[in-house]
């Protein structure tokens, strides 16, 4: 049994000073950096995982040295954890120790000379243009069937789903950006969306004709989803707790639609539609910088990964259709 597993087995709680420091760090993320609750929770989980390990060895996260943390990552690798997990936790620790330095709690960053784990760069999962058409076609069929049923709620649900699919694919939004859209995000002419992305940075994303039509049809029945008829600032309100659609619910709706379109539900998620938006644009000759702007990527290197998807598509065309490939 590795030392990591032994430490996990003892499960001593992190020191009180560590918990307070993590709490202050998370408060800073929310108040000063405008991080989402999802991002804050991810940092908190990572830091508490390391703190719990160190506590089992009678150590402290706030006072940890470089060798203690090297030992943690060595044991993490030996415990079969993915390189991606280790890289994320190292990134969380670096942000945490920079915060402690700024607060005057520490004078050094023990992660400064720790190398991140080597990890491959997986290509984004996408669906084909034909599959997107099948998905949108299934959404339209459900909307027509709901209209014929005479049920206002069924029609509102179907038109909302159609708007979600059209907007995700037309604008390449993250699911958190989609559910966070205020009703005011759609301008008077609905020609574009004002999107608040990571770090509360706003960007303007064009809204295509078909997506505009879907949004307009949905807005006509949006009030059906308002709890008790009360007003809501959200574009996609919900009667559930929180007052708006959740990431989980959007994922569920898309998987149900995928099944109706004859697509394996495991292959579809909101992020897959974001990937499809980017890769399909590039496949049709869109400028990489323009795609970067619409996706809200701070670094163009993040956007460049989609060029590999396009390259693979071109290689497949040559392989399947060039006479010499046989």
Foldseek 3Di string as FASTA:
>chain_A
DDLQVVLVVVQDFFDPVLVVLLVVLLVCCCPPQVADPVVSVVLSVLSRSLRSSQVSVVHHLLPDALVSVVVVLVVCVVVVHDLVSQQVSLVSLQSSVVVCCVVVNDVDRRSPPPDRDDDDDDFAFADDPVLLVLLLVLLVVQLVVQVVVPDLVSNLVSLVLNLLSLCLLQQLEDLVQQFPAFPPQQDPVSQWGWTQDGSRDTAITGRDPSSSVSLVSNVVSQQVQFAVSDDDRTSAAHNDPPGTDDQVVSLVSSLVSSVSSVHHSVSDHSNNSSLHNLLVCVLVPHDLVVNCRSNVPPDSVVSCSSVVVSVVVVVVCCCVPPPVND
